[in-house]
Amino acid sequence: MIEQYSNPLNKLNIVVYKKYLEENISTELLKTILMDPVHMKNPLLTKAGQPSKKRNKTIYGDIKEYIITIRGKIIKTPVNPWKQEFKELRDKISITTEQQYNTCVLQIYNSGQVGINPHKDKEMNKGTKIASISLGESRIMRFERNGFENIDIMLDKGDLCIINYPTNNYWLHSIPTDKSTQVRASLIFRNFECNNPLIKDGLEGNLWFPS
């Protein structure tokens, strides 16, 4: 089943492929992720330089470093080479969405107490899509924009959510906290801007990682 959230007047264009991954496949993939000690080493640091307890984040892809800016700060995260299971999933999604992806961000939310604040994904190639696979606990992804009602989309395990252009230019998205107790993981595939001047010039800057 495919759910569509599209309105050209408010620049919203989202497609959700329900149960894109069969239940046994999504269950085994989550188990594989949680058993890998690399994924449980949290590279996120707070402003004080302490390890964050909120989310576990690991990045895979074709580039050496994932460089973004948050509130004017330059954030550099090492990128791991593709794991076979992530590469195969990337190729499958590329066929579905008719787009190539060069990075995959793995996020692990250990319970409903863990969320992510409203934000836009920056430093992407213009006009590209964001594709995310949900694993484990069902959680709401919220889209918000000033002057418009919030759009809440329930993402269940195995669902594929496609944020089409130009949604990310106008809408913030988040994972609100809730009362769920089970783990959720997401695999977010993006077409990262490899011509980012931060990468080209090798700027170091004053680095910190959000909590």
C-alpha atoms as a PDB file:
ATOM      1  CA  MET A   1       0.000   0.000   0.000  1.00  0.00           C
ATOM      2  CA  ILE A   2       1.189   3.493  -0.844  1.00  0.00           C
ATOM      3  CA  GLU A   3       0.232   6.595   1.156  1.00  0.00           C
ATOM      4  CA  GLN A   4       0.639  10.001  -0.446  1.00  0.00           C
ATOM      5  CA  TYR A   5       0.786  13.372   1.272  1.00  0.00           C
ATOM      6  CA  SER A   6       0.966  15.904  -1.509  1.00  0.00           C
ATOM      7  CA  ASN A   7      -0.163  19.497  -1.899  1.00  0.00           C
ATOM      8  CA  PRO A   8       1.562  21.767  -4.439  1.00  0.00           C
ATOM      9  CA  LEU A   9       0.128  24.825  -2.692  1.00  0.00           C
ATOM     10  CA  ASN A  10       2.090  24.195   0.513  1.00  0.00           C
ATOM     11  CA  LYS A  11       5.112  22.528  -1.146  1.00  0.00           C
ATOM     12  CA  LEU A  12       4.505  19.200   0.618  1.00  0.00           C
ATOM     13  CA  ASN A  13       5.256  15.993  -1.285  1.00  0.00           C
ATOM     14  CA  ILE A  14       5.732  12.806   0.732  1.00  0.00           C
ATOM     15  CA  VAL A  15       5.159   9.190  -0.262  1.00  0.00           C
ATOM     16  CA  VAL A  16       5.127   6.258   2.180  1.00  0.00           C
ATOM     17  CA  TYR A  17       5.441   2.684   0.945  1.00  0.00           C
ATOM     18  CA  LYS A  18       3.840   0.664   3.746  1.00  0.00           C
ATOM     19  CA  LYS A  19       5.580  -2.641   4.506  1.00  0.00           C
ATOM     20  CA  TYR A  20       8.190  -1.974   1.829  1.00  0.00           C
ATOM     21  CA  LEU A  21      10.306  -4.582   3.606  1.00  0.00           C
ATOM     22  CA  GLU A  22       8.622  -7.827   4.596  1.00  0.00           C
ATOM     23  CA  GLU A  23       8.301  -8.303   8.349  1.00  0.00           C
ATOM     24  CA  ASN A  24      10.861 -11.103   8.606  1.00  0.00           C
ATOM     25  CA  ILE A  25      13.403  -9.082   6.621  1.00  0.00           C
ATOM     26  CA  SER A  26      12.942  -5.901   8.665  1.00  0.00           C
ATOM     27  CA  THR A  27      13.098  -7.894  11.923  1.00  0.00           C
ATOM     28  CA  GLU A  28      16.337  -9.626  10.949  1.00  0.00           C
ATOM     29  CA  LEU A  29      17.872  -6.379   9.723  1.00  0.00           C
ATOM     30  CA  LEU A  30      17.164  -4.696  13.058  1.00  0.00           C
ATOM     31  CA  LYS A  31      18.701  -7.639  14.928  1.00  0.00           C
ATOM     32  CA  THR A  32      21.810  -7.418  12.758  1.00  0.00           C
ATOM     33  CA  ILE A  33      22.097  -3.692  13.427  1.00  0.00           C
ATOM     34  CA  LEU A  34      21.715  -4.017  17.198  1.00  0.00           C
ATOM     35  CA  MET A  35      24.226  -6.873  17.406  1.00  0.00           C
ATOM     36  CA  ASP A  36      26.946  -4.812  15.724  1.00  0.00           C
ATOM     37  CA  PRO A  37      29.012  -3.090  18.456  1.00  0.00           C
ATOM     38  CA  VAL A  38      29.969  -0.338  16.000  1.00  0.00           C
ATOM     39  CA  HIS A  39      26.375   0.880  16.002  1.00  0.00           C
ATOM     40  CA  MET A  40      26.213   1.097  19.779  1.00  0.00           C
ATOM     41  CA  LYS A  41      29.271   3.356  20.035  1.00  0.00           C
ATOM     42  CA  ASN A  42      27.702   6.776  20.029  1.00  0.00           C
ATOM     43  CA  PRO A  43      29.776   9.352  18.090  1.00  0.00           C
ATOM     44  CA  LEU A  44      27.428  12.170  19.069  1.00  0.00           C
ATOM     45  CA  LEU A  45      28.827  14.577  21.638  1.00  0.00           C
ATOM     46  CA  THR A  46      27.107  17.305  23.611  1.00  0.00           C
ATOM     47  CA  LYS A  47      28.320  20.900  23.508  1.00  0.00           C
ATOM     48  CA  ALA A  48      30.305  20.123  26.654  1.00  0.00           C
ATOM     49  CA  GLY A  49      32.099  17.350  24.784  1.00  0.00           C
ATOM     50  CA  GLN A  50      30.403  14.519  26.678  1.00  0.00           C
ATOM     51  CA  PRO A  51      28.931  11.438  24.934  1.00  0.00           C
ATOM     52  CA  SER A  52      25.248  11.897  24.204  1.00  0.00           C
ATOM     53  CA  LYS A  53      22.867   9.310  25.647  1.00  0.00           C
ATOM     54  CA  LYS A  54      20.008  10.257  23.381  1.00  0.00           C
ATOM     55  CA  ARG A  55      20.754   8.663  20.028  1.00  0.00           C
ATOM     56  CA  ASN A  56      23.249   6.346  18.400  1.00  0.00           C
ATOM     57  CA  LYS A  57      24.336   7.475  14.965  1.00  0.00           C
ATOM     58  CA  THR A  58      26.537   5.790  12.367  1.00  0.00           C
ATOM     59  CA  ILE A  59      27.112   6.939   8.793  1.00  0.00           C
ATOM     60  CA  TYR A  60      27.929   4.821   5.744  1.00  0.00           C
ATOM     61  CA  GLY A  61      28.622   5.937   2.206  1.00  0.00           C
ATOM     62  CA  ASP A  62      30.869   6.775  -0.702  1.00  0.00           C
ATOM     63  CA  ILE A  63      32.507   9.822   0.906  1.00  0.00           C
ATOM     64  CA  LYS A  64      35.169  10.037   3.617  1.00  0.00           C
ATOM     65  CA  GLU A  65      33.543  12.638   5.860  1.00  0.00           C
ATOM     66  CA  TYR A  66      29.980  13.830   6.380  1.00  0.00           C
ATOM     67  CA  ILE A  67      30.168  17.573   6.911  1.00  0.00           C
ATOM     68  CA  ILE A  68      27.183  19.732   7.829  1.00  0.00           C
ATOM     69  CA  THR A  69      26.514  22.981   9.660  1.00  0.00           C
ATOM     70  CA  ILE A  70      24.156  23.330  12.626  1.00  0.00           C
ATOM     71  CA  ARG A  71      23.457  26.783  14.028  1.00  0.00           C
ATOM     72  CA  GLY A  72      26.560  28.090  12.321  1.00  0.00           C
ATOM     73  CA  LYS A  73      28.845  25.336  13.608  1.00  0.00           C
ATOM     74  CA  ILE A  74      30.714  22.964  11.316  1.00  0.00           C
ATOM     75  CA  ILE A  75      30.119  19.312  12.192  1.00  0.00           C
ATOM     76  CA  LYS A  76      32.310  16.576  10.722  1.00  0.00           C
ATOM     77  CA  THR A  77      31.413  12.908  11.123  1.00  0.00           C
ATOM     78  CA  PRO A  78      33.522   9.995   9.818  1.00  0.00           C
ATOM     79  CA  VAL A  79      31.871   7.856   7.150  1.00  0.00           C
ATOM     80  CA  ASN A  80      32.169   4.064   7.151  1.00  0.00           C
ATOM     81  CA  PRO A  81      32.350   1.987   3.947  1.00  0.00           C
ATOM     82  CA  TRP A  82      29.062   0.416   2.902  1.00  0.00           C
ATOM     83  CA  LYS A  83      27.943  -2.751   4.656  1.00  0.00           C
ATOM     84  CA  GLN A  84      26.624  -5.253   2.138  1.00  0.00           C
ATOM     85  CA  GLU A  85      23.095  -5.276   3.577  1.00  0.00           C
ATOM     86  CA  PHE A  86      22.886  -1.470   3.460  1.00  0.00           C
ATOM     87  CA  LYS A  87      24.282  -1.356  -0.059  1.00  0.00           C
ATOM     88  CA  GLU A  88      21.721  -3.886  -1.278  1.00  0.00           C
ATOM     89  CA  LEU A  89      18.927  -1.909   0.377  1.00  0.00           C
ATOM     90  CA  ARG A  90      20.240   1.306  -1.178  1.00  0.00           C
ATOM     91  CA  ASP A  91      20.173  -0.293  -4.628  1.00  0.00           C
ATOM     92  CA  LYS A  92      16.627  -1.541  -4.095  1.00  0.00           C
ATOM     93  CA  ILE A  93      15.441   1.911  -3.007  1.00  0.00           C
ATOM     94  CA  SER A  94      17.286   3.530  -5.915  1.00  0.00           C
ATOM     95  CA  ILE A  95      15.239   1.447  -8.335  1.00  0.00           C
ATOM     96  CA  THR A  96      11.999   2.348  -6.546  1.00  0.00           C
ATOM     97  CA  THR A  97      12.720   6.078  -6.384  1.00  0.00           C
ATOM     98  CA  GLU A  98      14.721   6.394  -9.616  1.00  0.00           C
ATOM     99  CA  GLN A  99      17.524   8.176  -7.772  1.00  0.00           C
ATOM    100  CA  GLN A 100      21.035   7.299  -6.631  1.00  0.00           C
ATOM    101  CA  TYR A 101      22.127   7.760  -3.002  1.00  0.00           C
ATOM    102  CA  ASN A 102      25.691   8.197  -1.752  1.00  0.00           C
ATOM    103  CA  THR A 103      25.177   8.165   2.030  1.00  0.00           C
ATOM    104  CA  CYS A 104      23.184   6.252   4.637  1.00  0.00           C
ATOM    105  CA  VAL A 105      22.680   7.602   8.158  1.00  0.00           C
ATOM    106  CA  LEU A 106      21.751   4.963  10.724  1.00  0.00           C
ATOM    107  CA  GLN A 107      19.897   6.376  13.734  1.00  0.00           C
ATOM    108  CA  ILE A 108      18.998   4.257  16.772  1.00  0.00           C
ATOM    109  CA  TYR A 109      16.354   5.488  19.216  1.00  0.00           C
ATOM    110  CA  ASN A 110      16.500   3.286  22.301  1.00  0.00           C
ATOM    111  CA  SER A 111      12.971   4.165  23.467  1.00  0.00           C
ATOM    112  CA  GLY A 112      10.197   6.703  23.025  1.00  0.00           C
ATOM    113  CA  GLN A 113      12.070   9.015  25.381  1.00  0.00           C
ATOM    114  CA  VAL A 114      14.514   9.566  22.537  1.00  0.00           C
ATOM    115  CA  GLY A 115      13.510  11.793  19.634  1.00  0.00           C
ATOM    116  CA  ILE A 116      14.957  14.330  17.260  1.00  0.00           C
ATOM    117  CA  ASN A 117      14.045  18.010  17.145  1.00  0.00           C
ATOM    118  CA  PRO A 118      12.475  19.732  14.123  1.00  0.00           C
ATOM    119  CA  HIS A 119      15.093  20.301  11.426  1.00  0.00           C
ATOM    120  CA  LYS A 120      15.848  20.342   7.710  1.00  0.00           C
ATOM    121  CA  ASP A 121      18.439  18.098   6.075  1.00  0.00           C
ATOM    122  CA  LYS A 122      21.139  20.379   4.711  1.00  0.00           C
ATOM    123  CA  GLU A 123      24.057  20.014   2.304  1.00  0.00           C
ATOM    124  CA  MET A 124      22.122  17.814  -0.131  1.00  0.00           C
ATOM    125  CA  ASN A 125      22.282  17.948  -3.905  1.00  0.00           C
ATOM    126  CA  LYS A 126      19.544  20.291  -5.052  1.00  0.00           C
ATOM    127  CA  GLY A 127      16.319  18.648  -6.127  1.00  0.00           C
ATOM    128  CA  THR A 128      17.084  15.244  -4.594  1.00  0.00           C
ATOM    129  CA  LYS A 129      14.902  13.011  -2.443  1.00  0.00           C
ATOM    130  CA  ILE A 130      15.387  11.716   1.091  1.00  0.00           C
ATOM    131  CA  ALA A 131      14.525   8.038   1.599  1.00  0.00           C
ATOM    132  CA  SER A 132      14.207   6.447   5.033  1.00  0.00           C
ATOM    133  CA  ILE A 133      13.471   2.902   6.150  1.00  0.00           C
ATOM    134  CA  SER A 134      11.893   2.414   9.584  1.00  0.00           C
ATOM    135  CA  LEU A 135      12.734  -0.613  11.724  1.00  0.00           C
ATOM    136  CA  GLY A 136      11.418  -1.724  15.102  1.00  0.00           C
ATOM    137  CA  GLU A 137       8.955   0.369  17.111  1.00  0.00           C
ATOM    138  CA  SER A 138       6.354   2.449  15.290  1.00  0.00           C
ATOM    139  CA  ARG A 139       6.943   6.182  15.665  1.00  0.00           C
ATOM    140  CA  ILE A 140       5.447   9.392  14.329  1.00  0.00           C
ATOM    141  CA  MET A 141       7.372  11.568  11.906  1.00  0.00           C
ATOM    142  CA  ARG A 142       6.073  15.120  12.172  1.00  0.00           C
ATOM    143  CA  PHE A 143       6.289  17.758   9.458  1.00  0.00           C
ATOM    144  CA  GLU A 144       5.739  21.380  10.405  1.00  0.00           C
ATOM    145  CA  ARG A 145       5.798  24.742   8.682  1.00  0.00           C
ATOM    146  CA  ASN A 146       4.785  28.182   9.903  1.00  0.00           C
ATOM    147  CA  GLY A 147       1.246  29.023   8.855  1.00  0.00           C
ATOM    148  CA  PHE A 148       0.226  25.411   8.202  1.00  0.00           C
ATOM    149  CA  GLU A 149      -1.109  22.544  10.286  1.00  0.00           C
ATOM    150  CA  ASN A 150       1.372  19.884  11.363  1.00  0.00           C
ATOM    151  CA  ILE A 151       1.377  16.660   9.361  1.00  0.00           C
ATOM    152  CA  ASP A 152       1.889  13.537  11.508  1.00  0.00           C
ATOM    153  CA  ILE A 153       2.778  10.317   9.695  1.00  0.00           C
ATOM    154  CA  MET A 154       2.965   7.019  11.582  1.00  0.00           C
ATOM    155  CA  LEU A 155       5.914   4.989  10.355  1.00  0.00           C
ATOM    156  CA  ASP A 156       5.823   1.270  11.125  1.00  0.00           C
ATOM    157  CA  LYS A 157       8.589  -1.298  10.774  1.00  0.00           C
ATOM    158  CA  GLY A 158       9.459  -1.956   7.164  1.00  0.00           C
ATOM    159  CA  ASP A 159       7.946   1.308   5.893  1.00  0.00           C
ATOM    160  CA  LEU A 160       9.790   3.382   3.307  1.00  0.00           C
ATOM    161  CA  CYS A 161       9.214   7.143   3.564  1.00  0.00           C
ATOM    162  CA  ILE A 162      10.207   9.329   0.616  1.00  0.00           C
ATOM    163  CA  ILE A 163      10.535  13.070   1.199  1.00  0.00           C
ATOM    164  CA  ASN A 164      10.314  14.462  -2.303  1.00  0.00           C
ATOM    165  CA  TYR A 165      11.636  17.811  -3.482  1.00  0.00           C
ATOM    166  CA  PRO A 166      10.872  20.580  -2.510  1.00  0.00           C
ATOM    167  CA  THR A 167       9.431  19.437   0.858  1.00  0.00           C
ATOM    168  CA  ASN A 168      12.743  19.671   2.710  1.00  0.00           C
ATOM    169  CA  ASN A 169      13.168  23.289   1.574  1.00  0.00           C
ATOM    170  CA  TYR A 170       9.971  24.417   3.279  1.00  0.00           C
ATOM    171  CA  TRP A 171       9.059  21.924   6.001  1.00  0.00           C
ATOM    172  CA  LEU A 172      10.856  20.893   9.180  1.00  0.00           C
ATOM    173  CA  HIS A 173      10.653  17.239  10.176  1.00  0.00           C
ATOM    174  CA  SER A 174      11.113  15.566  13.546  1.00  0.00           C
ATOM    175  CA  ILE A 175      10.566  12.391  15.565  1.00  0.00           C
ATOM    176  CA  PRO A 176       8.623  13.504  18.674  1.00  0.00           C
ATOM    177  CA  THR A 177       9.132  11.694  21.966  1.00  0.00           C
ATOM    178  CA  ASP A 178       6.349   9.391  23.151  1.00  0.00           C
ATOM    179  CA  LYS A 179       5.620   6.659  25.698  1.00  0.00           C
ATOM    180  CA  SER A 180       6.864   3.706  23.647  1.00  0.00           C
ATOM    181  CA  THR A 181       9.439   1.472  25.318  1.00  0.00           C
ATOM    182  CA  GLN A 182      10.956  -0.454  22.410  1.00  0.00           C
ATOM    183  CA  VAL A 183      13.876   0.434  20.158  1.00  0.00           C
ATOM    184  CA  ARG A 184      13.439   2.086  16.776  1.00  0.00           C
ATOM    185  CA  ALA A 185      16.071   2.388  14.064  1.00  0.00           C
ATOM    186  CA  SER A 186      16.004   4.290  10.808  1.00  0.00           C
ATOM    187  CA  LEU A 187      18.208   4.083   7.738  1.00  0.00           C
ATOM    188  CA  ILE A 188      18.202   7.439   5.965  1.00  0.00           C
ATOM    189  CA  PHE A 189      19.529   7.537   2.416  1.00  0.00           C
ATOM    190  CA  ARG A 190      20.577  10.886   0.976  1.00  0.00           C
ATOM    191  CA  ASN A 191      22.383  12.295  -2.030  1.00  0.00           C
ATOM    192  CA  PHE A 192      25.000  14.295  -0.156  1.00  0.00           C
ATOM    193  CA  GLU A 193      26.523  17.366  -1.789  1.00  0.00           C
ATOM    194  CA  CYS A 194      30.077  16.237  -2.537  1.00  0.00           C
ATOM    195  CA  ASN A 195      30.936  19.708  -3.874  1.00  0.00           C
ATOM    196  CA  ASN A 196      30.206  21.173  -0.462  1.00  0.00           C
ATOM    197  CA  PRO A 197      32.843  23.953  -0.024  1.00  0.00           C
ATOM    198  CA  LEU A 198      33.474  22.721   3.511  1.00  0.00           C
ATOM    199  CA  ILE A 199      34.724  19.455   2.030  1.00  0.00           C
ATOM    200  CA  LYS A 200      36.568  21.120  -0.831  1.00  0.00           C
ATOM    201  CA  ASP A 201      38.464  23.541   1.409  1.00  0.00           C
ATOM    202  CA  GLY A 202      38.933  21.125   4.302  1.00  0.00           C
ATOM    203  CA  LEU A 203      37.808  23.614   6.926  1.00  0.00           C
ATOM    204  CA  GLU A 204      38.103  22.481  10.518  1.00  0.00           C
ATOM    205  CA  GLY A 205      36.170  25.152  12.406  1.00  0.00           C
ATOM    206  CA  ASN A 206      34.925  25.002  15.977  1.00  0.00           C
ATOM    207  CA  LEU A 207      33.394  21.546  16.051  1.00  0.00           C
ATOM    208  CA  TRP A 208      30.732  20.241  18.388  1.00  0.00           C
ATOM    209  CA  PHE A 209      28.031  17.589  18.157  1.00  0.00           C
ATOM    210  CA  PRO A 210      24.380  18.143  19.152  1.00  0.00           C
ATOM    211  CA  SER A 211      22.912  16.169  22.031  1.00  0.00           C
END
